[in-house]
Amino acid sequence: MRTYDIIFILDEKKVDDGGENFTKDVTAHIKALGGNLKERIAMGRRMFARPIGKNTAGIYWEFVTELDPAKVGLFQDKYRLNPIVLRLAAFDYRPPAPSRRPAASIMEPGMPE
C-alpha cells in the first residue's frame, strides 16, 4: 500500500451539490479496491488559466488515500470517461512541508522591542 494524492476537477454545470454525492461514490470505490481514505478536501471552485473545452472553471476535490499501486490504474479507469470529471490526476503523496517563517512575537503596546 502506498499513499496517493488524487485530484479531481469536476464540471460545475453537471454537479448541483458541490460534488458531495460524487465524493461518496469515490470513497466507496476506494474502499471496494481495498484502499483507505485518509482525508477528503473540498478545494472549492476555481477559474482555469485556459478553458477545458467550453468550461472556464471547475470544482476541485482532493483525496489522500492509501491504495495498492496495482489498483491505481483501475481506479482511474472508472472515472476516465465520466462526463462529470474534467480532469483526474494521481500523485505520490508528499506531506506539506512545515512553514519556515519564524513565529511572530506578540508585543503589547508600550513594551520596548
C-alpha atoms as a PDB file:
ATOM      1  CA  MET A   1       0.000   0.000   0.000  1.00  0.00           C
ATOM      2  CA  ARG A   2       1.210   3.476  -0.914  1.00  0.00           C
ATOM      3  CA  THR A   3      -0.255   6.845  -0.144  1.00  0.00           C
ATOM      4  CA  TYR A   4      -1.594   8.835  -3.092  1.00  0.00           C
ATOM      5  CA  ASP A   5      -2.888  12.352  -3.573  1.00  0.00           C
ATOM      6  CA  ILE A   6      -5.781  12.169  -6.043  1.00  0.00           C
ATOM      7  CA  ILE A   7      -7.143  15.393  -7.530  1.00  0.00           C
ATOM      8  CA  PHE A   8     -10.466  15.664  -9.353  1.00  0.00           C
ATOM      9  CA  ILE A   9     -11.714  18.670 -11.310  1.00  0.00           C
ATOM     10  CA  LEU A  10     -15.468  18.412 -11.738  1.00  0.00           C
ATOM     11  CA  ASP A  11     -17.705  20.115 -14.297  1.00  0.00           C
ATOM     12  CA  GLU A  12     -19.641  22.667 -12.235  1.00  0.00           C
ATOM     13  CA  LYS A  13     -22.518  22.605 -14.743  1.00  0.00           C
ATOM     14  CA  LYS A  14     -23.143  18.895 -14.092  1.00  0.00           C
ATOM     15  CA  VAL A  15     -22.820  18.975 -10.302  1.00  0.00           C
ATOM     16  CA  ASP A  16     -25.515  20.648  -8.217  1.00  0.00           C
ATOM     17  CA  ASP A  17     -24.285  19.873  -4.675  1.00  0.00           C
ATOM     18  CA  GLY A  18     -20.665  20.970  -4.999  1.00  0.00           C
ATOM     19  CA  GLY A  19     -19.638  17.381  -5.694  1.00  0.00           C
ATOM     20  CA  GLU A  20     -20.706  15.870  -2.348  1.00  0.00           C
ATOM     21  CA  ASN A  21     -22.572  12.922  -3.927  1.00  0.00           C
ATOM     22  CA  PHE A  22     -19.683  12.340  -6.308  1.00  0.00           C
ATOM     23  CA  THR A  23     -17.227  12.170  -3.391  1.00  0.00           C
ATOM     24  CA  LYS A  24     -19.359   9.496  -1.718  1.00  0.00           C
ATOM     25  CA  ASP A  25     -19.018   7.394  -4.883  1.00  0.00           C
ATOM     26  CA  VAL A  26     -15.242   7.939  -4.927  1.00  0.00           C
ATOM     27  CA  THR A  27     -14.955   6.958  -1.255  1.00  0.00           C
ATOM     28  CA  ALA A  28     -16.947   3.767  -1.855  1.00  0.00           C
ATOM     29  CA  HIS A  29     -14.812   2.911  -4.890  1.00  0.00           C
ATOM     30  CA  ILE A  30     -11.570   3.383  -2.909  1.00  0.00           C
ATOM     31  CA  LYS A  31     -12.868   1.015  -0.220  1.00  0.00           C
ATOM     32  CA  ALA A  32     -14.045  -1.500  -2.859  1.00  0.00           C
ATOM     33  CA  LEU A  33     -10.475  -1.604  -4.212  1.00  0.00           C
ATOM     34  CA  GLY A  34      -9.145  -2.352  -0.718  1.00  0.00           C
ATOM     35  CA  GLY A  35      -7.857   1.148  -0.044  1.00  0.00           C
ATOM     36  CA  ASN A  36      -8.219   3.502   2.892  1.00  0.00           C
ATOM     37  CA  LEU A  37      -9.335   7.099   2.634  1.00  0.00           C
ATOM     38  CA  LYS A  38      -7.170   9.254   4.898  1.00  0.00           C
ATOM     39  CA  GLU A  39      -8.509  12.683   4.006  1.00  0.00           C
ATOM     40  CA  ARG A  40     -11.077  14.313   1.715  1.00  0.00           C
ATOM     41  CA  ILE A  41     -10.598  18.004   0.987  1.00  0.00           C
ATOM     42  CA  ALA A  42     -13.053  20.293  -0.789  1.00  0.00           C
ATOM     43  CA  MET A  43     -10.881  22.854  -2.564  1.00  0.00           C
ATOM     44  CA  GLY A  44     -13.820  24.810  -3.963  1.00  0.00           C
ATOM     45  CA  ARG A  45     -14.488  26.437  -7.319  1.00  0.00           C
ATOM     46  CA  ARG A  46     -11.512  27.786  -9.231  1.00  0.00           C
ATOM     47  CA  MET A  47     -11.079  29.551 -12.541  1.00  0.00           C
ATOM     48  CA  PHE A  48      -8.862  27.912 -15.182  1.00  0.00           C
ATOM     49  CA  ALA A  49      -5.868  29.602 -16.774  1.00  0.00           C
ATOM     50  CA  ARG A  50      -7.072  28.143 -20.099  1.00  0.00           C
ATOM     51  CA  PRO A  51     -10.520  26.720 -20.824  1.00  0.00           C
ATOM     52  CA  ILE A  52     -11.094  22.974 -20.744  1.00  0.00           C
ATOM     53  CA  GLY A  53     -13.464  22.551 -23.641  1.00  0.00           C
ATOM     54  CA  LYS A  54     -16.136  25.176 -23.043  1.00  0.00           C
ATOM     55  CA  ASN A  55     -15.519  25.280 -19.277  1.00  0.00           C
ATOM     56  CA  THR A  56     -13.723  28.221 -17.697  1.00  0.00           C
ATOM     57  CA  ALA A  57     -13.979  27.000 -14.081  1.00  0.00           C
ATOM     58  CA  GLY A  58     -14.362  23.768 -12.149  1.00  0.00           C
ATOM     59  CA  ILE A  59     -14.864  22.321  -8.692  1.00  0.00           C
ATOM     60  CA  TYR A  60     -11.714  20.826  -7.182  1.00  0.00           C
ATOM     61  CA  TRP A  61     -11.600  17.875  -4.773  1.00  0.00           C
ATOM     62  CA  GLU A  62      -8.514  16.273  -3.245  1.00  0.00           C
ATOM     63  CA  PHE A  63      -8.383  12.758  -1.783  1.00  0.00           C
ATOM     64  CA  VAL A  64      -5.448  11.471   0.257  1.00  0.00           C
ATOM     65  CA  THR A  65      -5.705   7.704   0.169  1.00  0.00           C
ATOM     66  CA  GLU A  66      -3.753   4.526   0.705  1.00  0.00           C
ATOM     67  CA  LEU A  67      -4.078   2.233  -2.285  1.00  0.00           C
ATOM     68  CA  ASP A  68      -2.261  -0.722  -3.784  1.00  0.00           C
ATOM     69  CA  PRO A  69      -0.107   0.595  -6.689  1.00  0.00           C
ATOM     70  CA  ALA A  70      -1.529  -2.091  -8.995  1.00  0.00           C
ATOM     71  CA  LYS A  71      -5.051  -0.741  -8.443  1.00  0.00           C
ATOM     72  CA  VAL A  72      -4.391   2.933  -9.220  1.00  0.00           C
ATOM     73  CA  GLY A  73      -4.972   2.272 -12.938  1.00  0.00           C
ATOM     74  CA  LEU A  74      -8.279   0.537 -12.167  1.00  0.00           C
ATOM     75  CA  PHE A  75      -9.316   3.496 -10.044  1.00  0.00           C
ATOM     76  CA  GLN A  76      -8.531   5.979 -12.826  1.00  0.00           C
ATOM     77  CA  ASP A  77     -10.252   3.847 -15.476  1.00  0.00           C
ATOM     78  CA  LYS A  78     -13.594   4.086 -13.666  1.00  0.00           C
ATOM     79  CA  TYR A  79     -13.601   7.896 -13.906  1.00  0.00           C
ATOM     80  CA  ARG A  80     -11.767   8.383 -17.207  1.00  0.00           C
ATOM     81  CA  LEU A  81     -14.951   8.638 -19.298  1.00  0.00           C
ATOM     82  CA  ASN A  82     -17.250  10.040 -16.600  1.00  0.00           C
ATOM     83  CA  PRO A  83     -18.874  13.228 -18.003  1.00  0.00           C
ATOM     84  CA  ILE A  84     -18.736  14.933 -14.582  1.00  0.00           C
ATOM     85  CA  VAL A  85     -14.925  14.642 -14.399  1.00  0.00           C
ATOM     86  CA  LEU A  86     -12.979  17.224 -16.401  1.00  0.00           C
ATOM     87  CA  ARG A  87      -9.552  16.141 -15.096  1.00  0.00           C
ATOM     88  CA  LEU A  88      -8.189  13.429 -12.819  1.00  0.00           C
ATOM     89  CA  ALA A  89      -4.618  13.066 -11.588  1.00  0.00           C
ATOM     90  CA  ALA A  90      -3.000  10.717  -9.055  1.00  0.00           C
ATOM     91  CA  PHE A  91       0.350  11.583  -7.482  1.00  0.00           C
ATOM     92  CA  ASP A  92       2.551  10.027  -4.823  1.00  0.00           C
ATOM     93  CA  TYR A  93       1.607  11.798  -1.606  1.00  0.00           C
ATOM     94  CA  ARG A  94       4.116  14.127  -0.038  1.00  0.00           C
ATOM     95  CA  PRO A  95       3.076  15.719   3.244  1.00  0.00           C
ATOM     96  CA  PRO A  96       3.157  19.519   3.249  1.00  0.00           C
ATOM     97  CA  ALA A  97       6.471  20.982   4.356  1.00  0.00           C
ATOM     98  CA  PRO A  98       6.402  22.790   7.685  1.00  0.00           C
ATOM     99  CA  SER A  99       6.327  26.545   7.495  1.00  0.00           C
ATOM    100  CA  ARG A 100       9.784  28.128   7.689  1.00  0.00           C
ATOM    101  CA  ARG A 101       8.578  31.529   8.772  1.00  0.00           C
ATOM    102  CA  PRO A 102       9.631  32.445  12.302  1.00  0.00           C
ATOM    103  CA  ALA A 103       6.841  32.623  14.798  1.00  0.00           C
ATOM    104  CA  ALA A 104       5.576  36.146  15.232  1.00  0.00           C
ATOM    105  CA  SER A 105       6.279  37.557  18.645  1.00  0.00           C
ATOM    106  CA  ILE A 106       3.358  39.118  20.404  1.00  0.00           C
ATOM    107  CA  MET A 107       4.162  42.531  21.766  1.00  0.00           C
ATOM    108  CA  GLU A 108       1.892  44.577  23.963  1.00  0.00           C
ATOM    109  CA  PRO A 109       1.542  48.269  23.189  1.00  0.00           C
ATOM    110  CA  GLY A 110       4.145  50.343  25.020  1.00  0.00           C
ATOM    111  CA  MET A 111       6.628  47.485  25.516  1.00  0.00           C
ATOM    112  CA  PRO A 112      10.196  48.067  24.307  1.00  0.00           C
ATOM    113  CA  GLU A 113      11.227  45.989  21.314  1.00  0.00           C
END
